[in-house]
Amino acid sequence: MKRVIGLLALSVLLVSLSGCSYLFYPHAKDFAEKAKDPNDVQTLINLTNMMETSAKAAKSGKGVDQALDDLHNQFHAFDDNLCCVDKETREKPAHALAVTHNKELWAIFKRVWKFKSDQPQREQHLDLFATEVKELRETLQTLK
């Protein structure tokens, strides 16, 4: 019994440390690869461009359509890559602001997901999401 519990605990630890987003959202890795740039900050900017495009495309949809699914995966890719910038960049105040924008985006995205089938609210929340992504991109530009 102890062995099973230890193995289970080790599995949970490995999944949480390995970026479980790619385990549960395998397409997030594909988007991260598409956005990849030698400069980590540029990778993040590329992901914000993708997210903004997908948010605009998802406004007219309903339910979990392709555009919303892409946005969801892109957002997970962004979240996973935000912590992967070098230490010097993470210590800058603009990075702290980018983390705050990311937290705000999570709150907005949860509302988008809740209202994914309720068209007027879905569109409003996606507009708000796109606006927040623009502010995030401006913040990331200062990190370059």
N, C-alpha and C. Protein backbone atom coordinates (compact mmCIF):
# COMPACT_ATOMS: atom_id res chain seq x y z
N MET A 1 0.82 -1.20 0.00
CA MET A 1 0.00 0.00 0.00
C MET A 1 0.87 1.27 0.00
N LYS A 2 1.93 1.24 0.82
CA LYS A 2 2.83 2.39 0.87
C LYS A 2 3.50 2.61 -0.49
N ARG A 3 3.81 1.51 -1.14
CA ARG A 3 4.45 1.60 -2.44
C ARG A 3 3.54 2.25 -3.48
N VAL A 4 2.27 1.89 -3.46
CA VAL A 4 1.29 2.45 -4.39
C VAL A 4 1.11 3.95 -4.13
N ILE A 5 1.01 4.31 -2.88
CA ILE A 5 0.85 5.73 -2.51
C ILE A 5 2.09 6.51 -2.93
N GLY A 6 3.28 5.95 -2.69
CA GLY A 6 4.52 6.62 -3.09
C GLY A 6 4.61 6.79 -4.60
N LEU A 7 4.21 5.76 -5.34
CA LEU A 7 4.23 5.83 -6.80
C LEU A 7 3.22 6.87 -7.30
N LEU A 8 2.06 6.91 -6.70
CA LEU A 8 1.05 7.90 -7.07
C LEU A 8 1.54 9.32 -6.78
N ALA A 9 2.15 9.51 -5.63
CA ALA A 9 2.67 10.84 -5.27
C ALA A 9 3.77 11.26 -6.24
N LEU A 10 4.63 10.33 -6.60
CA LEU A 10 5.70 10.62 -7.55
C LEU A 10 5.13 10.98 -8.92
N SER A 11 4.10 10.28 -9.33
CA SER A 11 3.46 10.57 -10.63
C SER A 11 2.85 11.96 -10.65
N VAL A 12 2.17 12.32 -9.57
CA VAL A 12 1.57 13.65 -9.48
C VAL A 12 2.66 14.71 -9.51
N LEU A 13 3.74 14.48 -8.81
CA LEU A 13 4.85 15.43 -8.79
C LEU A 13 5.46 15.60 -10.18
N LEU A 14 5.70 14.50 -10.87
CA LEU A 14 6.28 14.58 -12.21
C LEU A 14 5.37 15.29 -13.20
N VAL A 15 4.08 15.01 -13.12
CA VAL A 15 3.13 15.66 -14.02
C VAL A 15 3.09 17.16 -13.75
N SER A 16 3.07 17.54 -12.48
CA SER A 16 2.99 18.97 -12.17
C SER A 16 4.26 19.71 -12.53
N LEU A 17 5.41 19.07 -12.44
CA LEU A 17 6.67 19.74 -12.77
C LEU A 17 6.97 19.74 -14.26
N SER A 18 6.33 18.87 -15.00
CA SER A 18 6.66 18.76 -16.42
C SER A 18 5.76 19.61 -17.30
N GLY A 19 4.99 20.48 -16.72
CA GLY A 19 4.10 21.31 -17.52
C GLY A 19 2.89 20.51 -17.94
N CYS A 20 2.02 20.23 -16.98
CA CYS A 20 0.88 19.36 -17.25
C CYS A 20 -0.02 19.92 -18.33
N SER A 21 0.14 21.18 -18.62
CA SER A 21 -0.66 21.76 -19.68
C SER A 21 -0.50 20.99 -20.98
N TYR A 22 0.72 20.55 -21.26
CA TYR A 22 0.96 19.81 -22.49
C TYR A 22 0.39 18.40 -22.39
N LEU A 23 0.21 17.90 -21.18
CA LEU A 23 -0.40 16.59 -21.02
C LEU A 23 -1.90 16.67 -21.30
N PHE A 24 -2.54 17.68 -20.75
CA PHE A 24 -3.98 17.82 -20.90
C PHE A 24 -4.37 18.63 -22.13
N TYR A 25 -3.47 19.46 -22.61
CA TYR A 25 -3.71 20.30 -23.79
C TYR A 25 -2.56 20.09 -24.77
N PRO A 26 -2.52 18.95 -25.44
CA PRO A 26 -1.37 18.64 -26.29
C PRO A 26 -1.16 19.61 -27.44
N HIS A 27 -2.21 20.27 -27.88
CA HIS A 27 -2.05 21.22 -28.99
C HIS A 27 -1.35 22.50 -28.53
N ALA A 28 -1.31 22.74 -27.22
CA ALA A 28 -0.60 23.91 -26.71
C ALA A 28 0.87 23.83 -27.09
N LYS A 29 1.41 22.64 -27.07
CA LYS A 29 2.82 22.45 -27.45
C LYS A 29 3.02 22.81 -28.93
N ASP A 30 2.06 22.46 -29.77
CA ASP A 30 2.15 22.80 -31.19
C ASP A 30 2.20 24.31 -31.39
N PHE A 31 1.34 25.03 -30.67
CA PHE A 31 1.31 26.49 -30.79
C PHE A 31 2.60 27.09 -30.24
N ALA A 32 3.12 26.52 -29.17
CA ALA A 32 4.38 27.02 -28.61
C ALA A 32 5.52 26.84 -29.61
N GLU A 33 5.50 25.73 -30.32
CA GLU A 33 6.53 25.49 -31.34
C GLU A 33 6.40 26.47 -32.51
N LYS A 34 5.16 26.77 -32.92
CA LYS A 34 4.95 27.72 -34.02
C LYS A 34 5.43 29.12 -33.64
N ALA A 35 5.26 29.47 -32.37
CA ALA A 35 5.62 30.81 -31.91
C ALA A 35 7.08 30.93 -31.51
N LYS A 36 7.79 29.83 -31.45
CA LYS A 36 9.15 29.79 -30.94
C LYS A 36 10.08 30.75 -31.68
N ASP A 37 10.85 31.48 -30.89
CA ASP A 37 11.84 32.44 -31.37
C ASP A 37 13.06 32.31 -30.45
N PRO A 38 14.26 32.58 -30.95
CA PRO A 38 15.43 32.52 -30.07
C PRO A 38 15.29 33.46 -28.86
N ASN A 39 14.58 34.55 -29.03
CA ASN A 39 14.32 35.48 -27.93
C ASN A 39 13.02 35.04 -27.24
N ASP A 40 13.11 34.68 -25.96
CA ASP A 40 11.94 34.19 -25.23
C ASP A 40 10.80 35.22 -25.18
N VAL A 41 11.14 36.48 -25.07
CA VAL A 41 10.11 37.52 -25.03
C VAL A 41 9.39 37.60 -26.38
N GLN A 42 10.13 37.46 -27.46
CA GLN A 42 9.49 37.47 -28.78
C GLN A 42 8.56 36.27 -28.95
N THR A 43 8.91 35.14 -28.38
CA THR A 43 8.02 33.98 -28.40
C THR A 43 6.70 34.32 -27.73
N LEU A 44 6.78 35.00 -26.59
CA LEU A 44 5.56 35.41 -25.88
C LEU A 44 4.75 36.40 -26.71
N ILE A 45 5.42 37.32 -27.37
CA ILE A 45 4.73 38.29 -28.22
C ILE A 45 4.05 37.57 -29.38
N ASN A 46 4.73 36.60 -29.97
CA ASN A 46 4.12 35.82 -31.05
C ASN A 46 2.86 35.09 -30.57
N LEU A 47 2.91 34.57 -29.34
CA LEU A 47 1.73 33.89 -28.79
C LEU A 47 0.59 34.88 -28.54
N THR A 48 0.92 36.11 -28.12
CA THR A 48 -0.15 37.09 -27.92
C THR A 48 -0.80 37.46 -29.25
N ASN A 49 0.01 37.52 -30.31
CA ASN A 49 -0.56 37.79 -31.63
C ASN A 49 -1.54 36.67 -32.03
N MET A 50 -1.14 35.43 -31.78
CA MET A 50 -2.02 34.30 -32.08
C MET A 50 -3.30 34.36 -31.26
N MET A 51 -3.15 34.68 -29.97
CA MET A 51 -4.33 34.73 -29.09
C MET A 51 -5.31 35.82 -29.52
N GLU A 52 -4.77 36.96 -29.91
CA GLU A 52 -5.65 38.05 -30.34
C GLU A 52 -6.42 37.67 -31.60
N THR A 53 -5.74 37.04 -32.55
CA THR A 53 -6.39 36.60 -33.78
C THR A 53 -7.48 35.57 -33.49
N SER A 54 -7.17 34.62 -32.62
CA SER A 54 -8.15 33.58 -32.28
C SER A 54 -9.33 34.15 -31.50
N ALA A 55 -9.07 35.11 -30.62
CA ALA A 55 -10.16 35.72 -29.85
C ALA A 55 -11.13 36.44 -30.79
N LYS A 56 -10.60 37.13 -31.77
CA LYS A 56 -11.47 37.82 -32.74
C LYS A 56 -12.25 36.81 -33.58
N ALA A 57 -11.61 35.71 -33.96
CA ALA A 57 -12.28 34.68 -34.77
C ALA A 57 -13.35 33.94 -33.96
N ALA A 58 -13.14 33.83 -32.65
CA ALA A 58 -14.07 33.06 -31.82
C ALA A 58 -15.33 33.84 -31.44
N LYS A 59 -15.34 35.14 -31.69
CA LYS A 59 -16.48 35.96 -31.27
C LYS A 59 -17.80 35.52 -31.88
N SER A 60 -17.80 35.09 -33.10
CA SER A 60 -19.06 34.76 -33.77
C SER A 60 -19.45 33.29 -33.60
N GLY A 61 -18.65 32.52 -32.90
CA GLY A 61 -18.92 31.10 -32.75
C GLY A 61 -19.85 30.77 -31.61
N LYS A 62 -20.01 29.47 -31.40
CA LYS A 62 -20.85 28.99 -30.31
C LYS A 62 -20.29 27.68 -29.80
N GLY A 63 -20.26 27.52 -28.49
CA GLY A 63 -19.73 26.31 -27.90
C GLY A 63 -18.22 26.24 -28.09
N VAL A 64 -17.70 25.03 -28.02
CA VAL A 64 -16.26 24.84 -28.18
C VAL A 64 -15.98 24.60 -29.67
N ASP A 65 -15.89 25.69 -30.40
CA ASP A 65 -15.58 25.59 -31.83
C ASP A 65 -14.06 25.64 -32.00
N GLN A 66 -13.61 25.57 -33.23
CA GLN A 66 -12.16 25.51 -33.50
C GLN A 66 -11.43 26.76 -33.01
N ALA A 67 -12.01 27.93 -33.23
CA ALA A 67 -11.33 29.17 -32.82
C ALA A 67 -11.19 29.25 -31.30
N LEU A 68 -12.22 28.85 -30.57
CA LEU A 68 -12.14 28.89 -29.10
C LEU A 68 -11.17 27.83 -28.59
N ASP A 69 -11.16 26.67 -29.22
CA ASP A 69 -10.22 25.62 -28.83
C ASP A 69 -8.78 26.06 -29.10
N ASP A 70 -8.56 26.72 -30.24
CA ASP A 70 -7.22 27.25 -30.54
C ASP A 70 -6.81 28.29 -29.50
N LEU A 71 -7.72 29.19 -29.16
CA LEU A 71 -7.44 30.22 -28.16
C LEU A 71 -7.07 29.57 -26.83
N HIS A 72 -7.83 28.56 -26.45
CA HIS A 72 -7.59 27.85 -25.20
C HIS A 72 -6.18 27.25 -25.18
N ASN A 73 -5.80 26.59 -26.26
CA ASN A 73 -4.47 25.98 -26.33
C ASN A 73 -3.36 27.03 -26.40
N GLN A 74 -3.60 28.11 -27.14
CA GLN A 74 -2.60 29.19 -27.23
C GLN A 74 -2.39 29.83 -25.86
N PHE A 75 -3.47 29.98 -25.12
CA PHE A 75 -3.38 30.59 -23.81
C PHE A 75 -2.58 29.71 -22.86
N HIS A 76 -2.80 28.40 -22.94
CA HIS A 76 -1.99 27.49 -22.12
C HIS A 76 -0.52 27.55 -22.53
N ALA A 77 -0.26 27.63 -23.82
CA ALA A 77 1.12 27.74 -24.30
C ALA A 77 1.76 29.02 -23.77
N PHE A 78 1.02 30.12 -23.82
CA PHE A 78 1.54 31.39 -23.30
C PHE A 78 1.85 31.27 -21.81
N ASP A 79 0.90 30.73 -21.06
CA ASP A 79 1.06 30.59 -19.61
C ASP A 79 2.29 29.75 -19.28
N ASP A 80 2.49 28.67 -20.02
CA ASP A 80 3.65 27.81 -19.78
C ASP A 80 4.96 28.50 -20.13
N ASN A 81 4.95 29.35 -21.13
CA ASN A 81 6.19 30.00 -21.58
C ASN A 81 6.52 31.28 -20.82
N LEU A 82 5.54 31.83 -20.11
CA LEU A 82 5.76 33.07 -19.37
C LEU A 82 6.83 32.89 -18.30
N CYS A 83 6.87 31.73 -17.70
CA CYS A 83 7.86 31.50 -16.64
C CYS A 83 9.21 31.04 -17.19
N CYS A 84 9.31 30.86 -18.49
CA CYS A 84 10.53 30.31 -19.09
C CYS A 84 11.53 31.36 -19.55
N VAL A 85 11.26 32.62 -19.28
CA VAL A 85 12.21 33.67 -19.67
C VAL A 85 13.38 33.65 -18.70
N ASP A 86 14.48 34.23 -19.11
CA ASP A 86 15.68 34.20 -18.27
C ASP A 86 15.47 34.98 -16.98
N LYS A 87 16.34 34.70 -16.01
CA LYS A 87 16.21 35.29 -14.68
C LYS A 87 16.27 36.82 -14.71
N GLU A 88 17.16 37.35 -15.53
CA GLU A 88 17.32 38.81 -15.62
C GLU A 88 16.00 39.47 -16.06
N THR A 89 15.33 38.85 -17.03
CA THR A 89 14.06 39.38 -17.51
C THR A 89 12.97 39.24 -16.44
N ARG A 90 12.95 38.12 -15.73
CA ARG A 90 11.94 37.90 -14.70
C ARG A 90 12.04 38.90 -13.56
N GLU A 91 13.21 39.47 -13.36
CA GLU A 91 13.42 40.42 -12.27
C GLU A 91 12.99 41.84 -12.61
N LYS A 92 12.64 42.09 -13.86
CA LYS A 92 12.23 43.43 -14.27
C LYS A 92 10.78 43.70 -13.87
N PRO A 93 10.48 44.94 -13.52
CA PRO A 93 9.10 45.29 -13.15
C PRO A 93 8.08 45.00 -14.26
N ALA A 94 8.50 45.13 -15.50
CA ALA A 94 7.58 44.87 -16.61
C ALA A 94 7.15 43.41 -16.65
N HIS A 95 8.02 42.51 -16.22
CA HIS A 95 7.65 41.09 -16.17
C HIS A 95 6.59 40.88 -15.09
N ALA A 96 6.75 41.55 -13.97
CA ALA A 96 5.75 41.45 -12.91
C ALA A 96 4.39 41.94 -13.41
N LEU A 97 4.41 43.00 -14.20
CA LEU A 97 3.17 43.51 -14.78
C LEU A 97 2.59 42.51 -15.78
N ALA A 98 3.45 41.86 -16.55
CA ALA A 98 2.98 40.82 -17.49
C ALA A 98 2.33 39.67 -16.75
N VAL A 99 2.88 39.30 -15.59
CA VAL A 99 2.28 38.24 -14.77
C VAL A 99 0.90 38.67 -14.28
N THR A 100 0.77 39.93 -13.91
CA THR A 100 -0.53 40.45 -13.49
C THR A 100 -1.53 40.42 -14.64
N HIS A 101 -1.11 40.82 -15.83
CA HIS A 101 -1.98 40.74 -17.00
C HIS A 101 -2.40 39.29 -17.25
N ASN A 102 -1.48 38.37 -17.09
CA ASN A 102 -1.78 36.96 -17.29
C ASN A 102 -2.86 36.48 -16.31
N LYS A 103 -2.76 36.91 -15.07
CA LYS A 103 -3.77 36.54 -14.08
C LYS A 103 -5.13 37.14 -14.44
N GLU A 104 -5.13 38.36 -14.92
CA GLU A 104 -6.38 38.98 -15.35
C GLU A 104 -6.97 38.23 -16.55
N LEU A 105 -6.10 37.79 -17.46
CA LEU A 105 -6.56 37.02 -18.62
C LEU A 105 -7.20 35.70 -18.18
N TRP A 106 -6.64 35.08 -17.15
CA TRP A 106 -7.24 33.83 -16.65
C TRP A 106 -8.65 34.09 -16.15
N ALA A 107 -8.84 35.16 -15.40
CA ALA A 107 -10.18 35.47 -14.89
C ALA A 107 -11.16 35.71 -16.05
N ILE A 108 -10.71 36.45 -17.05
CA ILE A 108 -11.57 36.73 -18.21
C ILE A 108 -11.84 35.45 -18.99
N PHE A 109 -10.81 34.63 -19.18
CA PHE A 109 -11.00 33.41 -19.97
C PHE A 109 -11.97 32.45 -19.28
N LYS A 110 -11.93 32.39 -17.98
CA LYS A 110 -12.89 31.53 -17.26
C LYS A 110 -14.32 31.97 -17.54
N ARG A 111 -14.52 33.27 -17.64
CA ARG A 111 -15.86 33.79 -17.98
C ARG A 111 -16.20 33.48 -19.44
N VAL A 112 -15.23 33.58 -20.33
CA VAL A 112 -15.47 33.22 -21.73
C VAL A 112 -15.91 31.77 -21.79
N TRP A 113 -15.21 30.90 -21.07
CA TRP A 113 -15.52 29.48 -21.10
C TRP A 113 -16.91 29.21 -20.52
N LYS A 114 -17.24 29.93 -19.44
CA LYS A 114 -18.56 29.74 -18.82
C LYS A 114 -19.67 30.13 -19.80
N PHE A 115 -19.46 31.19 -20.56
CA PHE A 115 -20.49 31.70 -21.47
C PHE A 115 -20.21 31.34 -22.93
N LYS A 116 -19.52 30.23 -23.16
CA LYS A 116 -19.13 29.87 -24.53
C LYS A 116 -20.33 29.64 -25.44
N SER A 117 -21.49 29.31 -24.87
CA SER A 117 -22.68 29.07 -25.70
C SER A 117 -23.69 30.20 -25.61
N ASP A 118 -23.38 31.23 -24.85
CA ASP A 118 -24.28 32.38 -24.68
C ASP A 118 -23.69 33.54 -25.48
N GLN A 119 -24.13 33.67 -26.73
CA GLN A 119 -23.48 34.56 -27.69
C GLN A 119 -23.23 36.00 -27.22
N PRO A 120 -24.19 36.72 -26.69
CA PRO A 120 -23.85 38.11 -26.35
C PRO A 120 -22.73 38.21 -25.31
N GLN A 121 -22.78 37.36 -24.29
CA GLN A 121 -21.75 37.44 -23.25
C GLN A 121 -20.42 36.89 -23.74
N ARG A 122 -20.47 35.87 -24.57
CA ARG A 122 -19.23 35.33 -25.15
C ARG A 122 -18.49 36.42 -25.92
N GLU A 123 -19.21 37.13 -26.75
CA GLU A 123 -18.59 38.18 -27.57
C GLU A 123 -18.02 39.30 -26.70
N GLN A 124 -18.77 39.71 -25.67
CA GLN A 124 -18.29 40.77 -24.79
C GLN A 124 -17.02 40.37 -24.05
N HIS A 125 -17.01 39.14 -23.55
CA HIS A 125 -15.83 38.69 -22.82
C HIS A 125 -14.63 38.48 -23.75
N LEU A 126 -14.88 38.05 -24.96
CA LEU A 126 -13.78 37.90 -25.92
C LEU A 126 -13.22 39.26 -26.32
N ASP A 127 -14.08 40.28 -26.41
CA ASP A 127 -13.60 41.65 -26.66
C ASP A 127 -12.69 42.10 -25.52
N LEU A 128 -13.14 41.84 -24.29
CA LEU A 128 -12.34 42.21 -23.12
C LEU A 128 -11.02 41.43 -23.10
N PHE A 129 -11.08 40.16 -23.46
CA PHE A 129 -9.87 39.34 -23.53
C PHE A 129 -8.89 39.92 -24.55
N ALA A 130 -9.38 40.28 -25.73
CA ALA A 130 -8.52 40.84 -26.77
C ALA A 130 -7.89 42.15 -26.33
N THR A 131 -8.65 42.98 -25.62
CA THR A 131 -8.12 44.25 -25.11
C THR A 131 -7.01 44.00 -24.10
N GLU A 132 -7.23 43.04 -23.23
CA GLU A 132 -6.21 42.71 -22.22
C GLU A 132 -4.96 42.12 -22.87
N VAL A 133 -5.14 41.34 -23.93
CA VAL A 133 -3.99 40.79 -24.67
C VAL A 133 -3.17 41.92 -25.30
N LYS A 134 -3.85 42.95 -25.82
CA LYS A 134 -3.12 44.09 -26.38
C LYS A 134 -2.27 44.77 -25.32
N GLU A 135 -2.85 44.96 -24.14
CA GLU A 135 -2.11 45.59 -23.04
C GLU A 135 -0.93 44.71 -22.62
N LEU A 136 -1.15 43.41 -22.60
CA LEU A 136 -0.08 42.48 -22.28
C LEU A 136 1.05 42.58 -23.30
N ARG A 137 0.69 42.63 -24.58
CA ARG A 137 1.70 42.71 -25.64
C ARG A 137 2.52 44.00 -25.49
N GLU A 138 1.86 45.11 -25.18
CA GLU A 138 2.58 46.37 -24.97
C GLU A 138 3.57 46.25 -23.81
N THR A 139 3.15 45.56 -22.77
CA THR A 139 4.04 45.34 -21.62
C THR A 139 5.23 44.48 -22.03
N LEU A 140 4.97 43.44 -22.80
CA LEU A 140 6.05 42.56 -23.24
C LEU A 140 7.04 43.29 -24.15
N GLN A 141 6.53 44.23 -24.94
CA GLN A 141 7.41 45.01 -25.84
C GLN A 141 8.47 45.76 -25.03
N THR A 142 8.11 46.20 -23.82
CA THR A 142 9.08 46.93 -22.99
C THR A 142 10.17 46.00 -22.44
N LEU A 143 9.92 44.70 -22.45
CA LEU A 143 10.93 43.75 -21.98
C LEU A 143 12.00 43.45 -23.03
N LYS A 144 11.72 43.76 -24.30
CA LYS A 144 12.68 43.46 -25.37
C LYS A 144 13.86 44.32 -25.27
